[in-house]
Amino acid sequence: MEIERKFLINTLPSDLENYPCHRIEQAYLCTNPVIRVRRQDDDYILTYKGSGMMVREEYNLPLTAEAYAHLLPKADGNILTKKRYVIPLFDGLNIELDIFEGKFAGLQMAEVEFPDESTANSFPVPDWFGEEVTWNPAYHNSNMSRV
């Protein structure tokens, strides 16, 4: 189960270079249900996501580089590329700060995953976060792949 909230970013932290950064490329084979292939650095993943906004099913399976290369051309729409910075918070929570490239260059979005809905609903939003877009389907990466 994935429980996450998403926010646009007002101001980037000045110390991003101090946090781990991953290069991500992902594409969607289907958007209802969501079936995604992703390359994150040297890892390859096939993901299934159920319906929902803040809470939904999610299953990840490892892929080989060859399987990823075979599936990528079968994807519909845009291939999304981004840098993801992982910024630790408290109680084991992390901010995943995505800085998009390519077609969506300029878009900056943070996601925080939670262990349960109660923790998600009581999350103290950092000052540098902007508008919450958790319930706005336009900011689901699967929908972005279709515009």
Protein backbone atom coordinates (compact mmCIF):
# COMPACT_ATOMS: atom_id res chain seq x y z
CA MET A 1 0.00 0.00 0.00
CA GLU A 2 1.28 3.44 -0.91
CA ILE A 3 0.23 6.39 1.25
CA GLU A 4 1.72 9.64 0.00
CA ARG A 5 1.10 13.36 -0.22
CA LYS A 6 2.44 15.57 -3.04
CA PHE A 7 3.35 19.24 -3.05
CA LEU A 8 4.66 21.77 -5.53
CA ILE A 9 7.79 23.59 -4.35
CA ASN A 10 8.05 27.30 -3.57
CA THR A 11 11.80 27.42 -2.96
CA LEU A 12 14.44 24.73 -3.35
CA PRO A 13 16.62 24.00 -0.32
CA SER A 14 20.00 25.69 -0.70
CA ASP A 15 21.88 22.54 0.35
CA LEU A 16 20.56 20.00 -2.19
CA GLU A 17 24.09 18.83 -2.99
CA ASN A 18 24.25 17.34 0.53
CA TYR A 19 21.52 14.76 -0.21
CA PRO A 20 21.48 11.57 -2.27
CA CYS A 21 20.35 12.16 -5.84
CA HIS A 22 18.95 9.58 -8.27
CA ARG A 23 18.40 9.89 -12.01
CA ILE A 24 15.00 8.53 -12.98
CA GLU A 25 13.47 7.69 -16.35
CA GLN A 26 9.97 6.24 -16.36
CA ALA A 27 7.24 5.43 -18.84
CA TYR A 28 3.72 4.05 -18.69
CA LEU A 29 2.49 0.94 -20.45
CA CYS A 30 -1.02 1.59 -19.14
CA THR A 31 -2.58 4.37 -17.05
CA ASN A 32 -5.74 2.60 -15.82
CA PRO A 33 -4.56 0.64 -13.94
CA VAL A 34 -1.13 2.23 -13.80
CA ILE A 35 1.61 -0.04 -15.11
CA ARG A 36 4.96 1.69 -15.18
CA VAL A 37 8.56 0.83 -16.06
CA ARG A 38 11.30 2.79 -14.36
CA ARG A 39 15.06 3.06 -14.51
CA GLN A 40 16.47 4.56 -11.34
CA ASP A 41 20.23 4.80 -11.65
CA ASP A 42 21.19 1.17 -12.39
CA ASP A 43 17.96 -0.41 -11.11
CA TYR A 44 14.99 -1.35 -13.27
CA ILE A 45 11.47 -1.77 -11.88
CA LEU A 46 8.01 -2.72 -13.13
CA THR A 47 5.27 -1.13 -11.00
CA TYR A 48 1.53 -1.69 -10.72
CA LYS A 49 -0.53 1.00 -8.97
CA GLY A 50 -4.22 0.71 -8.15
CA SER A 51 -6.72 3.54 -8.20
CA GLY A 52 -6.74 6.26 -5.56
CA MET A 53 -5.14 9.59 -4.78
CA MET A 54 -3.42 9.60 -1.37
CA VAL A 55 -3.86 5.87 -0.63
CA ARG A 56 -3.56 3.12 -3.22
CA GLU A 57 -2.15 -0.31 -3.87
CA GLU A 58 1.39 -0.49 -5.22
CA TYR A 59 3.49 -3.48 -6.22
CA ASN A 60 7.07 -3.33 -7.49
CA LEU A 61 8.90 -6.08 -9.34
CA PRO A 62 12.55 -6.02 -10.40
CA LEU A 63 13.37 -5.96 -14.11
CA THR A 64 16.60 -6.61 -15.94
CA ALA A 65 18.11 -3.89 -18.10
CA GLU A 66 17.20 -6.01 -21.15
CA ALA A 67 13.54 -6.33 -20.08
CA TYR A 68 13.36 -2.58 -19.44
CA ALA A 69 14.84 -1.84 -22.87
CA HIS A 70 12.30 -4.22 -24.44
CA LEU A 71 9.30 -2.64 -22.65
CA LEU A 72 10.24 1.03 -22.94
CA PRO A 73 9.33 1.39 -26.66
CA LYS A 74 5.92 -0.13 -25.90
CA ALA A 75 5.03 2.73 -23.53
CA ASP A 76 2.39 5.28 -24.40
CA GLY A 77 3.02 9.00 -24.32
CA ASN A 78 5.86 10.89 -22.70
CA ILE A 79 8.88 9.32 -21.07
CA LEU A 80 9.40 11.28 -17.85
CA THR A 81 12.89 12.16 -16.70
CA LYS A 82 13.84 13.74 -13.41
CA LYS A 83 16.40 14.05 -10.68
CA ARG A 84 15.17 12.82 -7.29
CA TYR A 85 16.75 14.09 -4.10
CA VAL A 86 16.04 12.12 -0.93
CA ILE A 87 15.88 14.44 2.08
CA PRO A 88 15.47 12.84 5.52
CA LEU A 89 12.83 14.21 7.85
CA PHE A 90 11.86 12.76 11.22
CA ASP A 91 10.53 9.38 12.39
CA GLY A 92 11.98 7.65 9.32
CA LEU A 93 10.11 9.86 6.85
CA ASN A 94 11.81 11.22 3.73
CA ILE A 95 11.01 13.93 1.24
CA GLU A 96 11.47 12.74 -2.34
CA LEU A 97 12.11 15.98 -4.19
CA ASP A 98 11.70 15.60 -7.95
CA ILE A 99 13.18 18.14 -10.34
CA PHE A 100 11.76 17.32 -13.75
CA GLU A 101 13.68 17.56 -17.00
CA GLY A 102 12.70 17.39 -20.67
CA LYS A 103 9.10 18.28 -21.47
CA PHE A 104 8.38 19.12 -17.82
CA ALA A 105 11.58 21.09 -17.11
CA GLY A 106 10.88 23.66 -14.42
CA LEU A 107 8.39 21.49 -12.52
CA GLN A 108 9.51 20.76 -8.96
CA MET A 109 7.44 18.46 -6.79
CA ALA A 110 7.92 16.80 -3.41
CA GLU A 111 6.37 13.53 -2.30
CA VAL A 112 6.31 12.16 1.23
CA GLU A 113 5.31 8.54 1.86
CA PHE A 114 3.74 7.61 5.19
CA PRO A 115 3.26 4.42 7.18
CA ASP A 116 -0.45 5.14 7.75
CA GLU A 117 -3.20 7.65 6.99
CA SER A 118 -3.10 9.18 10.46
CA THR A 119 0.55 10.15 10.05
CA ALA A 120 -0.17 11.49 6.55
CA ASN A 121 -3.06 13.62 7.78
CA SER A 122 -1.07 15.10 10.69
CA PHE A 123 2.09 15.84 8.66
CA PRO A 124 3.53 19.30 9.44
CA VAL A 125 4.18 20.73 5.97
CA PRO A 126 7.65 22.33 5.61
CA ASP A 127 7.68 26.08 4.90
CA TRP A 128 9.44 25.64 1.56
CA PHE A 129 6.60 23.48 0.20
CA GLY A 130 3.98 25.16 -1.96
CA GLU A 131 0.52 24.10 -3.05
CA GLU A 132 -0.57 20.58 -2.13
CA VAL A 133 -1.45 18.60 -5.26
CA THR A 134 -2.17 15.20 -3.72
CA TRP A 135 -5.77 15.23 -4.96
CA ASN A 136 -5.05 16.91 -8.30
CA PRO A 137 -4.83 14.16 -10.94
CA ALA A 138 -2.90 16.49 -13.28
CA TYR A 139 0.16 15.94 -11.07
CA HIS A 140 0.09 12.15 -11.14
CA ASN A 141 3.07 11.14 -13.25
CA SER A 142 0.87 8.66 -15.14
CA ASN A 143 -1.39 11.53 -16.27
CA MET A 144 1.62 13.70 -17.09
CA SER A 145 2.79 10.97 -19.44
CA ARG A 146 -0.35 11.55 -21.56
CA VAL A 147 -0.17 15.35 -22.03
